[in-house]
PDB file of N, CA and C in Angstrom:
ATOM      1  N   MET A   1     128.988 121.985 244.976  1.00  0.00           N
ATOM      2  CA  MET A   1     129.664 120.858 244.481  1.00  0.00           C
ATOM      3  C   MET A   1     129.371 120.855 243.026  1.00  0.00           C
ATOM      4  N   PRO A   2     130.513 120.774 242.331  1.00  0.00           N
ATOM      5  CA  PRO A   2     130.405 120.685 240.737  1.00  0.00           C
ATOM      6  C   PRO A   2     129.833 119.284 240.338  1.00  0.00           C
ATOM      7  N   HIS A   3     128.977 119.378 239.255  1.00  0.00           N
ATOM      8  CA  HIS A   3     128.568 118.125 238.701  1.00  0.00           C
ATOM      9  C   HIS A   3     129.412 117.800 237.388  1.00  0.00           C
ATOM     10  N   ILE A   4     130.098 116.679 237.508  1.00  0.00           N
ATOM     11  CA  ILE A   4     130.790 116.158 236.355  1.00  0.00           C
ATOM     12  C   ILE A   4     130.198 115.046 235.712  1.00  0.00           C
ATOM     13  N   ARG A   5     129.811 115.154 234.498  1.00  0.00           N
ATOM     14  CA  ARG A   5     129.115 114.125 233.809  1.00  0.00           C
ATOM     15  C   ARG A   5     130.157 112.905 233.546  1.00  0.00           C
ATOM     16  N   THR A   6     129.584 111.784 233.562  1.00  0.00           N
ATOM     17  CA  THR A   6     130.312 110.569 233.207  1.00  0.00           C
ATOM     18  C   THR A   6     130.473 110.374 231.754  1.00  0.00           C
ATOM     19  N   ARG A   7     131.360 109.594 231.276  1.00  0.00           N
ATOM     20  CA  ARG A   7     131.545 109.457 229.811  1.00  0.00           C
ATOM     21  C   ARG A   7     130.275 108.900 229.282  1.00  0.00           C
ATOM     22  N   ARG A   8     129.599 107.983 229.932  1.00  0.00           N
ATOM     23  CA  ARG A   8     128.298 107.360 229.561  1.00  0.00           C
ATOM     24  C   ARG A   8     127.190 108.419 229.302  1.00  0.00           C
ATOM     25  N   ASP A   9     127.169 109.401 230.205  1.00  0.00           N
ATOM     26  CA  ASP A   9     126.111 110.431 230.083  1.00  0.00           C
ATOM     27  C   ASP A   9     126.471 111.279 228.784  1.00  0.00           C
ATOM     28  N   GLU A  10     127.820 111.593 228.648  1.00  0.00           N
ATOM     29  CA  GLU A  10     128.212 112.329 227.492  1.00  0.00           C
ATOM     30  C   GLU A  10     127.936 111.639 226.147  1.00  0.00           C
ATOM     31  N   ILE A  11     128.059 110.384 226.071  1.00  0.00           N
ATOM     32  CA  ILE A  11     127.789 109.550 224.874  1.00  0.00           C
ATOM     33  C   ILE A  11     126.401 109.626 224.584  1.00  0.00           C
ATOM     34  N   GLU A  12     125.542 109.500 225.591  1.00  0.00           N
ATOM     35  CA  GLU A  12     124.046 109.476 225.407  1.00  0.00           C
ATOM     36  C   GLU A  12     123.637 110.907 224.980  1.00  0.00           C
ATOM     37  N   LEU A  13     124.139 112.003 225.570  1.00  0.00           N
ATOM     38  CA  LEU A  13     123.832 113.247 225.088  1.00  0.00           C
ATOM     39  C   LEU A  13     124.170 113.538 223.743  1.00  0.00           C
ATOM     40  N   LYS A  14     125.451 113.129 223.347  1.00  0.00           N
ATOM     41  CA  LYS A  14     125.823 113.198 221.999  1.00  0.00           C
ATOM     42  C   LYS A  14     125.053 112.518 220.945  1.00  0.00           C
ATOM     43  N   ALA A  15     124.560 111.337 221.333  1.00  0.00           N
ATOM     44  CA  ALA A  15     123.705 110.592 220.454  1.00  0.00           C
ATOM     45  C   ALA A  15     122.345 111.258 220.297  1.00  0.00           C
ATOM     46  N   SER A  16     121.678 111.840 221.392  1.00  0.00           N
ATOM     47  CA  SER A  16     120.433 112.344 221.401  1.00  0.00           C
ATOM     48  C   SER A  16     120.319 113.782 220.908  1.00  0.00           C
ATOM     49  N   THR A  17     121.407 114.516 221.038  1.00  0.00           N
ATOM     50  CA  THR A  17     121.386 115.912 220.727  1.00  0.00           C
ATOM     51  C   THR A  17     122.315 116.206 219.607  1.00  0.00           C
ATOM     52  N   PRO A  18     121.856 116.676 218.363  1.00  0.00           N
ATOM     53  CA  PRO A  18     122.745 116.886 217.267  1.00  0.00           C
ATOM     54  C   PRO A  18     123.620 118.101 217.513  1.00  0.00           C
ATOM     55  N   GLY A  19     124.861 118.091 217.173  1.00  0.00           N
ATOM     56  CA  GLY A  19     125.682 119.295 217.396  1.00  0.00           C
ATOM     57  C   GLY A  19     126.189 119.529 218.701  1.00  0.00           C
ATOM     58  N   TRP A  20     125.897 118.471 219.687  1.00  0.00           N
ATOM     59  CA  TRP A  20     126.422 118.601 221.116  1.00  0.00           C
ATOM     60  C   TRP A  20     127.806 118.156 221.096  1.00  0.00           C
ATOM     61  N   LYS A  21     128.692 118.910 221.831  1.00  0.00           N
ATOM     62  CA  LYS A  21     130.141 118.501 221.978  1.00  0.00           C
ATOM     63  C   LYS A  21     130.279 118.307 223.507  1.00  0.00           C
ATOM     64  N   ALA A  22     131.099 117.310 223.862  1.00  0.00           N
ATOM     65  CA  ALA A  22     131.501 117.140 225.193  1.00  0.00           C
ATOM     66  C   ALA A  22     132.455 118.273 225.624  1.00  0.00           C
ATOM     67  N   ARG A  23     132.312 118.686 226.934  1.00  0.00           N
ATOM     68  CA  ARG A  23     133.106 119.757 227.418  1.00  0.00           C
ATOM     69  C   ARG A  23     134.147 119.165 228.340  1.00  0.00           C
ATOM     70  N   ARG A  24     135.422 119.605 228.121  1.00  0.00           N
ATOM     71  CA  ARG A  24     136.416 119.034 228.955  1.00  0.00           C
ATOM     72  C   ARG A  24     137.157 120.155 229.765  1.00  0.00           C
ATOM     73  N   TRP A  25     137.639 119.787 230.954  1.00  0.00           N
ATOM     74  CA  TRP A  25     138.271 120.814 231.706  1.00  0.00           C
ATOM     75  C   TRP A  25     139.499 121.160 231.057  1.00  0.00           C
ATOM     76  N   VAL A  26     140.209 122.264 231.227  1.00  0.00           N
ATOM     77  CA  VAL A  26     141.440 122.722 230.689  1.00  0.00           C
ATOM     78  C   VAL A  26     142.606 121.814 231.079  1.00  0.00           C
ATOM     79  N   VAL A  27     142.484 121.459 232.429  1.00  0.00           N
ATOM     80  CA  VAL A  27     143.463 120.422 232.866  1.00  0.00           C
ATOM     81  C   VAL A  27     143.451 119.219 232.253  1.00  0.00           C
ATOM     82  N   GLU A  28     142.384 118.630 231.896  1.00  0.00           N
ATOM     83  CA  GLU A  28     142.265 117.323 231.214  1.00  0.00           C
ATOM     84  C   GLU A  28     142.924 117.514 229.830  1.00  0.00           C
ATOM     85  N   ALA A  29     142.536 118.551 229.068  1.00  0.00           N
ATOM     86  CA  ALA A  29     143.286 118.674 227.787  1.00  0.00           C
ATOM     87  C   ALA A  29     144.743 118.775 227.943  1.00  0.00           C
ATOM     88  N   CYS A  30     145.161 119.655 228.927  1.00  0.00           N
ATOM     89  CA  CYS A  30     146.711 119.730 229.057  1.00  0.00           C
ATOM     90  C   CYS A  30     147.325 118.451 229.461  1.00  0.00           C
ATOM     91  N   HIS A  31     146.782 117.726 230.273  1.00  0.00           N
ATOM     92  CA  HIS A  31     147.406 116.291 230.639  1.00  0.00           C
ATOM     93  C   HIS A  31     147.426 115.568 229.378  1.00  0.00           C
ATOM     94  N   SER A  32     146.393 115.609 228.554  1.00  0.00           N
ATOM     95  CA  SER A  32     146.300 114.704 227.490  1.00  0.00           C
ATOM     96  C   SER A  32     147.430 115.104 226.498  1.00  0.00           C
ATOM     97  N   TRP A  33     147.606 116.450 226.265  1.00  0.00           N
ATOM     98  CA  TRP A  33     148.779 116.883 225.424  1.00  0.00           C
ATOM     99  C   TRP A  33     150.091 116.600 226.004  1.00  0.00           C
ATOM    100  N   LEU A  34     150.242 116.676 227.310  1.00  0.00           N
ATOM    101  CA  LEU A  34     151.602 116.332 227.823  1.00  0.00           C
ATOM    102  C   LEU A  34     151.834 114.816 227.873  1.00  0.00           C
ATOM    103  N   ASN A  35     150.754 113.987 227.937  1.00  0.00           N
ATOM    104  CA  ASN A  35     150.954 112.514 228.003  1.00  0.00           C
ATOM    105  C   ASN A  35     151.505 111.979 226.599  1.00  0.00           C
ATOM    106  N   ARG A  36     151.265 112.842 225.633  1.00  0.00           N
ATOM    107  CA  ARG A  36     151.775 112.293 224.248  1.00  0.00           C
ATOM    108  C   ARG A  36     153.370 112.350 224.083  1.00  0.00           C
ATOM    109  N   ASN A  37     154.032 112.943 225.136  1.00  0.00           N
ATOM    110  CA  ASN A  37     155.483 113.020 225.162  1.00  0.00           C
ATOM    111  C   ASN A  37     155.918 111.920 226.146  1.00  0.00           C
ATOM    112  N   ARG A  38     156.644 110.926 225.592  1.00  0.00           N
ATOM    113  CA  ARG A  38     156.975 109.667 226.339  1.00  0.00           C
ATOM    114  C   ARG A  38     157.899 109.968 227.446  1.00  0.00           C
ATOM    115  N   ALA A  39     158.797 110.973 227.294  1.00  0.00           N
ATOM    116  CA  ALA A  39     159.765 111.129 228.388  1.00  0.00           C
ATOM    117  C   ALA A  39     159.102 111.758 229.612  1.00  0.00           C
ATOM    118  N   ILE A  40     157.958 112.388 229.394  1.00  0.00           N
ATOM    119  CA  ILE A  40     157.158 112.943 230.553  1.00  0.00           C
ATOM    120  C   ILE A  40     156.210 111.961 231.070  1.00  0.00           C
ATOM    121  N   LEU A  41     155.638 111.092 230.212  1.00  0.00           N
ATOM    122  CA  LEU A  41     154.769 110.103 230.531  1.00  0.00           C
ATOM    123  C   LEU A  41     155.417 109.067 231.502  1.00  0.00           C
ATOM    124  N   ILE A  42     156.439 108.440 231.130  1.00  0.00           N
ATOM    125  CA  ILE A  42     157.336 107.729 231.949  1.00  0.00           C
ATOM    126  C   ILE A  42     158.454 108.451 232.347  1.00  0.00           C
ATOM    127  N   ARG A  43     158.673 108.774 233.644  1.00  0.00           N
ATOM    128  CA  ARG A  43     159.622 109.667 234.102  1.00  0.00           C
ATOM    129  C   ARG A  43     161.015 108.881 234.124  1.00  0.00           C
ATOM    130  N   TRP A  44     161.781 109.185 233.047  1.00  0.00           N
ATOM    131  CA  TRP A  44     163.137 108.531 233.024  1.00  0.00           C
ATOM    132  C   TRP A  44     164.186 109.349 233.811  1.00  0.00           C
ATOM    133  N   SER A  45     163.927 110.624 233.941  1.00  0.00           N
ATOM    134  CA  SER A  45     164.980 111.357 234.692  1.00  0.00           C
ATOM    135  C   SER A  45     164.962 111.348 236.181  1.00  0.00           C
ATOM    136  N   LYS A  46     166.126 111.225 236.723  1.00  0.00           N
ATOM    137  CA  LYS A  46     166.239 110.957 238.104  1.00  0.00           C
ATOM    138  C   LYS A  46     166.124 112.325 238.885  1.00  0.00           C
ATOM    139  N   LYS A  47     166.724 113.409 238.249  1.00  0.00           N
ATOM    140  CA  LYS A  47     166.766 114.719 238.930  1.00  0.00           C
ATOM    141  C   LYS A  47     165.378 115.560 238.598  1.00  0.00           C
ATOM    142  N   ASP A  48     165.033 116.235 239.642  1.00  0.00           N
ATOM    143  CA  ASP A  48     163.865 116.992 239.529  1.00  0.00           C
ATOM    144  C   ASP A  48     164.033 118.107 238.496  1.00  0.00           C
ATOM    145  N   ALA A  49     165.138 118.733 238.502  1.00  0.00           N
ATOM    146  CA  ALA A  49     165.466 119.867 237.518  1.00  0.00           C
ATOM    147  C   ALA A  49     165.323 119.419 236.121  1.00  0.00           C
ATOM    148  N   ASN A  50     165.828 118.166 235.705  1.00  0.00           N
ATOM    149  CA  ASN A  50     165.611 117.592 234.412  1.00  0.00           C
ATOM    150  C   ASN A  50     164.247 117.444 234.003  1.00  0.00           C
ATOM    151  N   HIS A  51     163.376 116.818 235.022  1.00  0.00           N
ATOM    152  CA  HIS A  51     162.016 116.642 234.697  1.00  0.00           C
ATOM    153  C   HIS A  51     161.287 117.880 234.559  1.00  0.00           C
ATOM    154  N   LEU A  52     161.589 119.010 235.330  1.00  0.00           N
ATOM    155  CA  LEU A  52     160.960 120.227 235.095  1.00  0.00           C
ATOM    156  C   LEU A  52     161.340 120.749 233.679  1.00  0.00           C
ATOM    157  N   ALA A  53     162.534 120.574 233.372  1.00  0.00           N
ATOM    158  CA  ALA A  53     163.152 121.136 232.059  1.00  0.00           C
ATOM    159  C   ALA A  53     162.228 120.357 230.873  1.00  0.00           C
ATOM    160  N   LEU A  54     162.058 119.166 231.011  1.00  0.00           N
ATOM    161  CA  LEU A  54     161.209 118.437 230.128  1.00  0.00           C
ATOM    162  C   LEU A  54     159.745 118.930 230.016  1.00  0.00           C
ATOM    163  N   LEU A  55     159.172 119.123 231.173  1.00  0.00           N
ATOM    164  CA  LEU A  55     157.808 119.745 231.285  1.00  0.00           C
ATOM    165  C   LEU A  55     157.854 121.083 230.639  1.00  0.00           C
ATOM    166  N   GLN A  56     158.749 121.852 230.862  1.00  0.00           N
ATOM    167  CA  GLN A  56     158.709 123.215 230.231  1.00  0.00           C
ATOM    168  C   GLN A  56     158.991 123.192 228.736  1.00  0.00           C
ATOM    169  N   LEU A  57     159.832 122.283 228.335  1.00  0.00           N
ATOM    170  CA  LEU A  57     160.050 122.068 226.852  1.00  0.00           C
ATOM    171  C   LEU A  57     158.756 121.593 226.113  1.00  0.00           C
ATOM    172  N   ALA A  58     158.117 120.576 226.800  1.00  0.00           N
ATOM    173  CA  ALA A  58     156.927 120.073 226.129  1.00  0.00           C
ATOM    174  C   ALA A  58     155.833 121.080 226.133  1.00  0.00           C
ATOM    175  N   SER A  59     155.719 121.873 227.255  1.00  0.00           N
ATOM    176  CA  SER A  59     154.640 122.981 227.227  1.00  0.00           C
ATOM    177  C   SER A  59     154.950 124.026 226.121  1.00  0.00           C
ATOM    178  N   GLY A  60     156.159 124.306 226.085  1.00  0.00           N
ATOM    179  CA  GLY A  60     156.577 125.318 224.987  1.00  0.00           C
ATOM    180  C   GLY A  60     156.345 124.677 223.605  1.00  0.00           C
ATOM    181  N   LEU A  61     156.540 123.488 223.396  1.00  0.00           N
ATOM    182  CA  LEU A  61     156.301 122.892 222.082  1.00  0.00           C
ATOM    183  C   LEU A  61     154.815 122.791 221.804  1.00  0.00           C
ATOM    184  N   ILE A  62     154.079 122.527 222.802  1.00  0.00           N
ATOM    185  CA  ILE A  62     152.540 122.506 222.560  1.00  0.00           C
ATOM    186  C   ILE A  62     152.004 123.853 222.302  1.00  0.00           C
ATOM    187  N   ALA A  63     152.506 124.880 222.959  1.00  0.00           N
ATOM    188  CA  ALA A  63     151.964 126.354 222.736  1.00  0.00           C
ATOM    189  C   ALA A  63     152.487 126.684 221.242  1.00  0.00           C
ATOM    190  N   PHE A  64     153.582 126.378 220.895  1.00  0.00           N
ATOM    191  CA  PHE A  64     154.141 126.665 219.588  1.00  0.00           C
ATOM    192  C   PHE A  64     153.217 125.984 218.471  1.00  0.00           C
ATOM    193  N   LYS A  65     152.924 124.782 218.598  1.00  0.00           N
ATOM    194  CA  LYS A  65     152.079 124.038 217.698  1.00  0.00           C
ATOM    195  C   LYS A  65     150.705 124.638 217.590  1.00  0.00           C
ATOM    196  N   LYS A  66     150.211 124.962 218.802  1.00  0.00           N
ATOM    197  CA  LYS A  66     148.844 125.647 218.758  1.00  0.00           C
ATOM    198  C   LYS A  66     148.769 126.962 218.137  1.00  0.00           C
ATOM    199  N   ALA A  67     149.798 127.714 218.336  1.00  0.00           N
ATOM    200  CA  ALA A  67     149.921 129.073 217.677  1.00  0.00           C
ATOM    201  C   ALA A  67     150.232 128.893 216.244  1.00  0.00           C
ATOM    202  N   HIS A  68     151.056 127.974 215.764  1.00  0.00           N
ATOM    203  CA  HIS A  68     151.240 127.650 214.357  1.00  0.00           C
ATOM    204  C   HIS A  68     150.082 127.235 213.620  1.00  0.00           C
ATOM    205  N   THR A  69     149.242 126.399 214.201  1.00  0.00           N
ATOM    206  CA  THR A  69     148.003 125.865 213.679  1.00  0.00           C
ATOM    207  C   THR A  69     147.016 127.134 213.571  1.00  0.00           C
ATOM    208  N   ALA A  70     146.967 127.835 214.524  1.00  0.00           N
ATOM    209  CA  ALA A  70     145.949 129.023 214.458  1.00  0.00           C
ATOM    210  C   ALA A  70     146.447 130.034 213.481  1.00  0.00           C
ATOM    211  N   ARG A  71     147.666 130.228 213.281  1.00  0.00           N
ATOM    212  CA  ARG A  71     148.236 131.195 212.238  1.00  0.00           C
ATOM    213  C   ARG A  71     147.990 130.670 210.903  1.00  0.00           C
ATOM    214  N   LEU A  72     148.130 129.335 210.733  1.00  0.00           N
ATOM    215  CA  LEU A  72     147.805 128.743 209.298  1.00  0.00           C
ATOM    216  C   LEU A  72     146.268 128.739 209.022  1.00  0.00           C
ATOM    217  N   ALA A  73     145.495 128.610 210.009  1.00  0.00           N
ATOM    218  CA  ALA A  73     143.962 128.651 209.822  1.00  0.00           C
ATOM    219  C   ALA A  73     143.631 130.074 209.559  1.00  0.00           C
ATOM    220  N   HIS A  74     144.176 131.062 210.158  1.00  0.00           N
ATOM    221  CA  HIS A  74     143.926 132.402 209.825  1.00  0.00           C
ATOM    222  C   HIS A  74     144.296 132.777 208.449  1.00  0.00           C
ATOM    223  N   ALA A  75     145.527 132.348 208.110  1.00  0.00           N
ATOM    224  CA  ALA A  75     146.007 132.697 206.706  1.00  0.00           C
ATOM    225  C   ALA A  75     145.135 132.000 205.595  1.00  0.00           C
ATOM    226  N   GLN A  76     144.630 130.868 205.866  1.00  0.00           N
ATOM    227  CA  GLN A  76     143.730 130.217 204.872  1.00  0.00           C
ATOM    228  C   GLN A  76     142.421 130.864 204.841  1.00  0.00           C
ATOM    229  N   ALA A  77     141.840 131.378 205.890  1.00  0.00           N
ATOM    230  CA  ALA A  77     140.543 132.092 206.021  1.00  0.00           C
ATOM    231  C   ALA A  77     140.592 133.385 205.277  1.00  0.00           C
ATOM    232  N   GLY A  78     141.763 134.009 205.339  1.00  0.00           N
ATOM    233  CA  GLY A  78     141.689 135.438 204.723  1.00  0.00           C
ATOM    234  C   GLY A  78     142.687 135.595 203.873  1.00  0.00           C
TER     235      GLY A  78
END
């Protein structure tokens, strides 16, 4: 059984341990990124195919933004 810390425990660890960062599941981060897109957060589309298309578009945009940010960081470092 996995142990998942509560937010309160993470806040206490962050306050007591310098340099400690909270760890998030990949799914939590993905849901957070997808929830920034209002058309996905509030399902306006009635057809499943349209909703799937919006999910795929949002996922592609997220991947593109992450790759672009990484490319810019790499270009500035070197």
